[in-house]
Amino acid sequence: MRRRGGFADTAYVRALAHREDMTAVPDVELRALLEQLEREEKTVSRRRNVVHDRIDFVRSGGFASANPATDDLAVLLDTERQLSERRQTLHLQIDELRAERSRRRFR
């Protein structure tokens, strides 16, 4: 499996997940790709939860770090939006790979 920066190469994942004929992808590679995407989704979800906590704290009038400049609400909200979009994309890719895995079990 191709990796970039500790995560699965998203272009490669998209190419695999959107192929018409997933039967050409070996079971071992499908499983490894699914596991990698699930790990990445957990990492993104943890980061998103941390950002949510910071947003809540900043909205309540506090600063979540020693440097208030890093707690700009607009920046935090943009970061949360980006993480949410990435998480949604990962969920779609994971669902597609799980569906393919299920199809293979019932052949």
N, C-alpha and C. Protein backbone atom coordinates (compact mmCIF):
# COMPACT_ATOMS: atom_id res chain seq x y z
N MET A 1 0.85 -1.16 0.00
CA MET A 1 0.00 0.00 0.00
C MET A 1 0.90 1.23 0.00
N ARG A 2 0.49 2.22 -0.73
CA ARG A 2 1.25 3.46 -0.81
C ARG A 2 0.89 4.34 0.38
N ARG A 3 1.94 4.94 0.97
CA ARG A 3 1.71 5.78 2.15
C ARG A 3 2.34 7.14 1.92
N ARG A 4 1.72 8.15 2.51
CA ARG A 4 2.22 9.51 2.42
C ARG A 4 2.03 10.13 3.79
N GLY A 5 3.11 10.59 4.38
CA GLY A 5 3.02 11.33 5.64
C GLY A 5 2.33 10.56 6.76
N GLY A 6 2.49 9.25 6.83
CA GLY A 6 1.88 8.47 7.90
C GLY A 6 0.46 8.04 7.61
N PHE A 7 -0.11 8.54 6.53
CA PHE A 7 -1.48 8.18 6.16
C PHE A 7 -1.47 7.53 4.79
N ALA A 8 -2.54 6.86 4.47
CA ALA A 8 -2.67 6.27 3.15
C ALA A 8 -2.67 7.38 2.11
N ASP A 9 -2.05 7.12 0.97
CA ASP A 9 -2.05 8.07 -0.14
C ASP A 9 -3.49 8.22 -0.61
N THR A 10 -4.06 9.39 -0.39
CA THR A 10 -5.49 9.57 -0.65
C THR A 10 -5.84 9.44 -2.12
N ALA A 11 -4.94 9.84 -3.01
CA ALA A 11 -5.23 9.67 -4.44
C ALA A 11 -5.32 8.19 -4.78
N TYR A 12 -4.43 7.40 -4.19
CA TYR A 12 -4.44 5.96 -4.41
C TYR A 12 -5.70 5.33 -3.82
N VAL A 13 -6.08 5.77 -2.64
CA VAL A 13 -7.29 5.27 -1.99
C VAL A 13 -8.51 5.59 -2.83
N ARG A 14 -8.61 6.84 -3.29
CA ARG A 14 -9.75 7.23 -4.13
C ARG A 14 -9.80 6.42 -5.40
N ALA A 15 -8.63 6.19 -6.00
CA ALA A 15 -8.59 5.41 -7.24
C ALA A 15 -9.09 3.99 -6.98
N LEU A 16 -8.68 3.42 -5.88
CA LEU A 16 -9.15 2.07 -5.55
C LEU A 16 -10.62 2.06 -5.20
N ALA A 17 -11.03 2.98 -4.36
CA ALA A 17 -12.40 2.98 -3.86
C ALA A 17 -13.42 3.29 -4.95
N HIS A 18 -13.01 3.98 -6.00
CA HIS A 18 -13.96 4.36 -7.04
C HIS A 18 -13.80 3.55 -8.32
N ARG A 19 -13.01 2.51 -8.28
CA ARG A 19 -12.87 1.65 -9.44
C ARG A 19 -14.15 0.88 -9.66
N GLU A 20 -14.45 0.67 -10.90
CA GLU A 20 -15.63 -0.13 -11.23
C GLU A 20 -15.41 -1.59 -10.85
N ASP A 21 -14.20 -2.06 -11.06
CA ASP A 21 -13.91 -3.47 -10.83
C ASP A 21 -12.93 -3.63 -9.68
N MET A 22 -13.46 -3.72 -8.47
CA MET A 22 -12.61 -3.89 -7.29
C MET A 22 -12.12 -5.33 -7.16
N THR A 23 -12.63 -6.22 -7.98
CA THR A 23 -12.24 -7.63 -7.87
C THR A 23 -10.76 -7.82 -8.19
N ALA A 24 -10.16 -6.87 -8.88
CA ALA A 24 -8.74 -6.99 -9.22
C ALA A 24 -7.83 -6.68 -8.03
N VAL A 25 -8.37 -6.05 -7.00
CA VAL A 25 -7.58 -5.73 -5.81
C VAL A 25 -7.53 -6.97 -4.92
N PRO A 26 -6.34 -7.44 -4.61
CA PRO A 26 -6.23 -8.64 -3.77
C PRO A 26 -6.84 -8.42 -2.37
N ASP A 27 -7.36 -9.48 -1.79
CA ASP A 27 -7.97 -9.41 -0.46
C ASP A 27 -7.03 -8.82 0.58
N VAL A 28 -5.76 -9.21 0.51
CA VAL A 28 -4.78 -8.74 1.48
C VAL A 28 -4.62 -7.22 1.38
N GLU A 29 -4.55 -6.71 0.17
CA GLU A 29 -4.41 -5.27 0.00
C GLU A 29 -5.68 -4.53 0.41
N LEU A 30 -6.82 -5.10 0.11
CA LEU A 30 -8.09 -4.51 0.51
C LEU A 30 -8.17 -4.41 2.04
N ARG A 31 -7.81 -5.48 2.72
CA ARG A 31 -7.84 -5.49 4.19
C ARG A 31 -6.84 -4.48 4.76
N ALA A 32 -5.64 -4.43 4.20
CA ALA A 32 -4.63 -3.49 4.69
C ALA A 32 -5.07 -2.04 4.48
N LEU A 33 -5.66 -1.78 3.34
CA LEU A 33 -6.14 -0.44 3.04
C LEU A 33 -7.27 -0.05 3.98
N LEU A 34 -8.17 -0.96 4.23
CA LEU A 34 -9.28 -0.71 5.15
C LEU A 34 -8.77 -0.42 6.56
N GLU A 35 -7.83 -1.21 7.01
CA GLU A 35 -7.26 -0.99 8.35
C GLU A 35 -6.55 0.36 8.44
N GLN A 36 -5.83 0.74 7.39
CA GLN A 36 -5.13 2.03 7.37
C GLN A 36 -6.13 3.17 7.43
N LEU A 37 -7.19 3.08 6.64
CA LEU A 37 -8.21 4.13 6.64
C LEU A 37 -8.91 4.22 7.99
N GLU A 38 -9.17 3.10 8.62
CA GLU A 38 -9.81 3.11 9.93
C GLU A 38 -8.91 3.76 10.97
N ARG A 39 -7.60 3.49 10.90
CA ARG A 39 -6.66 4.14 11.82
C ARG A 39 -6.62 5.64 11.59
N GLU A 40 -6.59 6.03 10.32
CA GLU A 40 -6.58 7.45 10.00
C GLU A 40 -7.86 8.13 10.48
N GLU A 41 -8.99 7.46 10.33
CA GLU A 41 -10.27 8.03 10.78
C GLU A 41 -10.25 8.24 12.29
N LYS A 42 -9.69 7.31 13.03
CA LYS A 42 -9.60 7.46 14.48
C LYS A 42 -8.72 8.65 14.85
N THR A 43 -7.61 8.81 14.14
CA THR A 43 -6.71 9.93 14.39
C THR A 43 -7.40 11.26 14.10
N VAL A 44 -8.08 11.34 12.97
CA VAL A 44 -8.79 12.57 12.60
C VAL A 44 -9.90 12.84 13.62
N SER A 45 -10.61 11.81 14.05
CA SER A 45 -11.68 11.99 15.04
C SER A 45 -11.14 12.50 16.36
N ARG A 46 -9.99 11.98 16.80
CA ARG A 46 -9.38 12.46 18.05
C ARG A 46 -8.99 13.93 17.92
N ARG A 47 -8.38 14.28 16.79
CA ARG A 47 -7.99 15.69 16.57
C ARG A 47 -9.23 16.58 16.55
N ARG A 48 -10.29 16.11 15.92
CA ARG A 48 -11.53 16.88 15.84
C ARG A 48 -12.13 17.09 17.24
N ASN A 49 -12.09 16.06 18.07
CA ASN A 49 -12.60 16.18 19.44
C ASN A 49 -11.81 17.21 20.24
N VAL A 50 -10.49 17.23 20.06
CA VAL A 50 -9.65 18.21 20.75
C VAL A 50 -10.02 19.61 20.30
N VAL A 51 -10.21 19.79 19.00
CA VAL A 51 -10.59 21.11 18.48
C VAL A 51 -11.96 21.51 19.02
N HIS A 52 -12.90 20.56 19.09
CA HIS A 52 -14.22 20.86 19.66
C HIS A 52 -14.10 21.34 21.10
N ASP A 53 -13.26 20.67 21.88
CA ASP A 53 -13.06 21.08 23.27
C ASP A 53 -12.49 22.49 23.34
N ARG A 54 -11.52 22.79 22.46
CA ARG A 54 -10.93 24.13 22.44
C ARG A 54 -11.98 25.17 22.06
N ILE A 55 -12.80 24.85 21.06
CA ILE A 55 -13.85 25.79 20.64
C ILE A 55 -14.80 26.07 21.80
N ASP A 56 -15.23 25.04 22.49
CA ASP A 56 -16.14 25.22 23.62
C ASP A 56 -15.51 26.09 24.70
N PHE A 57 -14.25 25.85 24.99
CA PHE A 57 -13.56 26.60 26.03
C PHE A 57 -13.40 28.07 25.63
N VAL A 58 -13.01 28.31 24.38
CA VAL A 58 -12.83 29.68 23.90
C VAL A 58 -14.17 30.41 23.89
N ARG A 59 -15.23 29.73 23.49
CA ARG A 59 -16.56 30.35 23.47
C ARG A 59 -17.02 30.72 24.89
N SER A 60 -16.52 29.99 25.88
CA SER A 60 -16.91 30.29 27.26
C SER A 60 -16.06 31.41 27.86
N GLY A 61 -15.13 31.94 27.06
CA GLY A 61 -14.33 33.07 27.53
C GLY A 61 -12.92 32.72 27.94
N GLY A 62 -12.55 31.49 27.82
CA GLY A 62 -11.20 31.09 28.21
C GLY A 62 -10.28 30.96 27.03
N PHE A 63 -9.05 30.62 27.33
CA PHE A 63 -8.06 30.33 26.30
C PHE A 63 -7.56 28.93 26.54
N ALA A 64 -7.55 28.12 25.51
CA ALA A 64 -7.19 26.72 25.66
C ALA A 64 -5.69 26.49 25.63
N SER A 65 -4.92 27.52 25.36
CA SER A 65 -3.46 27.36 25.35
C SER A 65 -2.82 28.59 25.99
N ALA A 66 -1.51 28.53 26.17
CA ALA A 66 -0.78 29.64 26.79
C ALA A 66 -0.71 30.84 25.86
N ASN A 67 -0.88 30.61 24.57
CA ASN A 67 -0.82 31.69 23.58
C ASN A 67 -2.22 31.95 23.04
N PRO A 68 -2.88 33.01 23.49
CA PRO A 68 -4.25 33.29 23.04
C PRO A 68 -4.39 33.44 21.53
N ALA A 69 -3.31 33.80 20.84
CA ALA A 69 -3.37 33.95 19.38
C ALA A 69 -3.68 32.61 18.70
N THR A 70 -3.30 31.51 19.35
CA THR A 70 -3.58 30.20 18.75
C THR A 70 -5.03 29.78 18.98
N ASP A 71 -5.76 30.56 19.76
CA ASP A 71 -7.15 30.22 20.07
C ASP A 71 -8.13 31.15 19.36
N ASP A 72 -7.77 31.64 18.19
CA ASP A 72 -8.67 32.45 17.39
C ASP A 72 -9.86 31.57 17.00
N LEU A 73 -11.04 31.98 17.37
CA LEU A 73 -12.24 31.17 17.16
C LEU A 73 -12.45 30.87 15.68
N ALA A 74 -12.22 31.84 14.81
CA ALA A 74 -12.40 31.61 13.37
C ALA A 74 -11.46 30.53 12.86
N VAL A 75 -10.22 30.55 13.33
CA VAL A 75 -9.24 29.53 12.92
C VAL A 75 -9.66 28.17 13.44
N LEU A 76 -10.09 28.11 14.70
CA LEU A 76 -10.54 26.85 15.27
C LEU A 76 -11.74 26.29 14.51
N LEU A 77 -12.68 27.15 14.16
CA LEU A 77 -13.86 26.70 13.42
C LEU A 77 -13.49 26.21 12.02
N ASP A 78 -12.55 26.88 11.38
CA ASP A 78 -12.09 26.43 10.06
C ASP A 78 -11.37 25.09 10.17
N THR A 79 -10.55 24.93 11.19
CA THR A 79 -9.86 23.66 11.41
C THR A 79 -10.87 22.54 11.64
N GLU A 80 -11.90 22.83 12.43
CA GLU A 80 -12.94 21.82 12.69
C GLU A 80 -13.66 21.44 11.40
N ARG A 81 -13.94 22.42 10.56
CA ARG A 81 -14.62 22.16 9.29
C ARG A 81 -13.77 21.26 8.39
N GLN A 82 -12.47 21.58 8.32
CA GLN A 82 -11.56 20.77 7.50
C GLN A 82 -11.46 19.34 8.01
N LEU A 83 -11.35 19.20 9.33
CA LEU A 83 -11.27 17.86 9.92
C LEU A 83 -12.58 17.09 9.69
N SER A 84 -13.71 17.78 9.80
CA SER A 84 -15.00 17.13 9.58
C SER A 84 -15.14 16.66 8.14
N GLU A 85 -14.69 17.48 7.18
CA GLU A 85 -14.74 17.08 5.79
C GLU A 85 -13.85 15.87 5.53
N ARG A 86 -12.65 15.88 6.11
CA ARG A 86 -11.73 14.74 5.94
C ARG A 86 -12.33 13.49 6.55
N ARG A 87 -12.93 13.64 7.71
CA ARG A 87 -13.54 12.50 8.39
C ARG A 87 -14.69 11.92 7.56
N GLN A 88 -15.50 12.79 6.98
CA GLN A 88 -16.61 12.34 6.14
C GLN A 88 -16.09 11.59 4.91
N THR A 89 -15.04 12.11 4.29
CA THR A 89 -14.43 11.44 3.14
C THR A 89 -13.92 10.07 3.54
N LEU A 90 -13.26 9.99 4.67
CA LEU A 90 -12.75 8.70 5.15
C LEU A 90 -13.89 7.72 5.39
N HIS A 91 -14.98 8.20 5.98
CA HIS A 91 -16.13 7.32 6.22
C HIS A 91 -16.68 6.76 4.92
N LEU A 92 -16.76 7.60 3.90
CA LEU A 92 -17.26 7.13 2.60
C LEU A 92 -16.34 6.07 2.01
N GLN A 93 -15.03 6.30 2.08
CA GLN A 93 -14.06 5.34 1.55
C GLN A 93 -14.12 4.03 2.34
N ILE A 94 -14.20 4.13 3.64
CA ILE A 94 -14.29 2.94 4.49
C ILE A 94 -15.55 2.16 4.16
N ASP A 95 -16.67 2.85 4.02
CA ASP A 95 -17.93 2.17 3.69
C ASP A 95 -17.85 1.44 2.35
N GLU A 96 -17.21 2.08 1.36
CA GLU A 96 -17.07 1.44 0.05
C GLU A 96 -16.21 0.18 0.14
N LEU A 97 -15.12 0.25 0.89
CA LEU A 97 -14.24 -0.91 1.03
C LEU A 97 -14.92 -2.02 1.84
N ARG A 98 -15.67 -1.65 2.86
CA ARG A 98 -16.40 -2.66 3.63
C ARG A 98 -17.46 -3.34 2.76
N ALA A 99 -18.11 -2.56 1.91
CA ALA A 99 -19.11 -3.14 1.01
C ALA A 99 -18.45 -4.13 0.06
N GLU A 100 -17.30 -3.79 -0.45
CA GLU A 100 -16.58 -4.72 -1.33
C GLU A 100 -16.17 -5.97 -0.57
N ARG A 101 -15.70 -5.80 0.65
CA ARG A 101 -15.33 -6.97 1.46
C ARG A 101 -16.53 -7.87 1.68
N SER A 102 -17.68 -7.28 1.93
CA SER A 102 -18.91 -8.07 2.13
C SER A 102 -19.32 -8.79 0.85
N ARG A 103 -19.22 -8.12 -0.29
CA ARG A 103 -19.55 -8.76 -1.56
C ARG A 103 -18.68 -9.98 -1.78
N ARG A 104 -17.41 -9.88 -1.42
CA ARG A 104 -16.50 -11.00 -1.62
C ARG A 104 -16.87 -12.19 -0.73
N ARG A 105 -17.38 -11.93 0.43
CA ARG A 105 -17.74 -13.02 1.34
C ARG A 105 -18.93 -13.82 0.84
N PHE A 106 -19.79 -13.18 0.04
CA PHE A 106 -21.02 -13.84 -0.39
C PHE A 106 -20.95 -14.32 -1.83
N ARG A 107 -19.78 -14.35 -2.41
CA ARG A 107 -19.64 -14.90 -3.77
C ARG A 107 -19.56 -16.39 -3.74
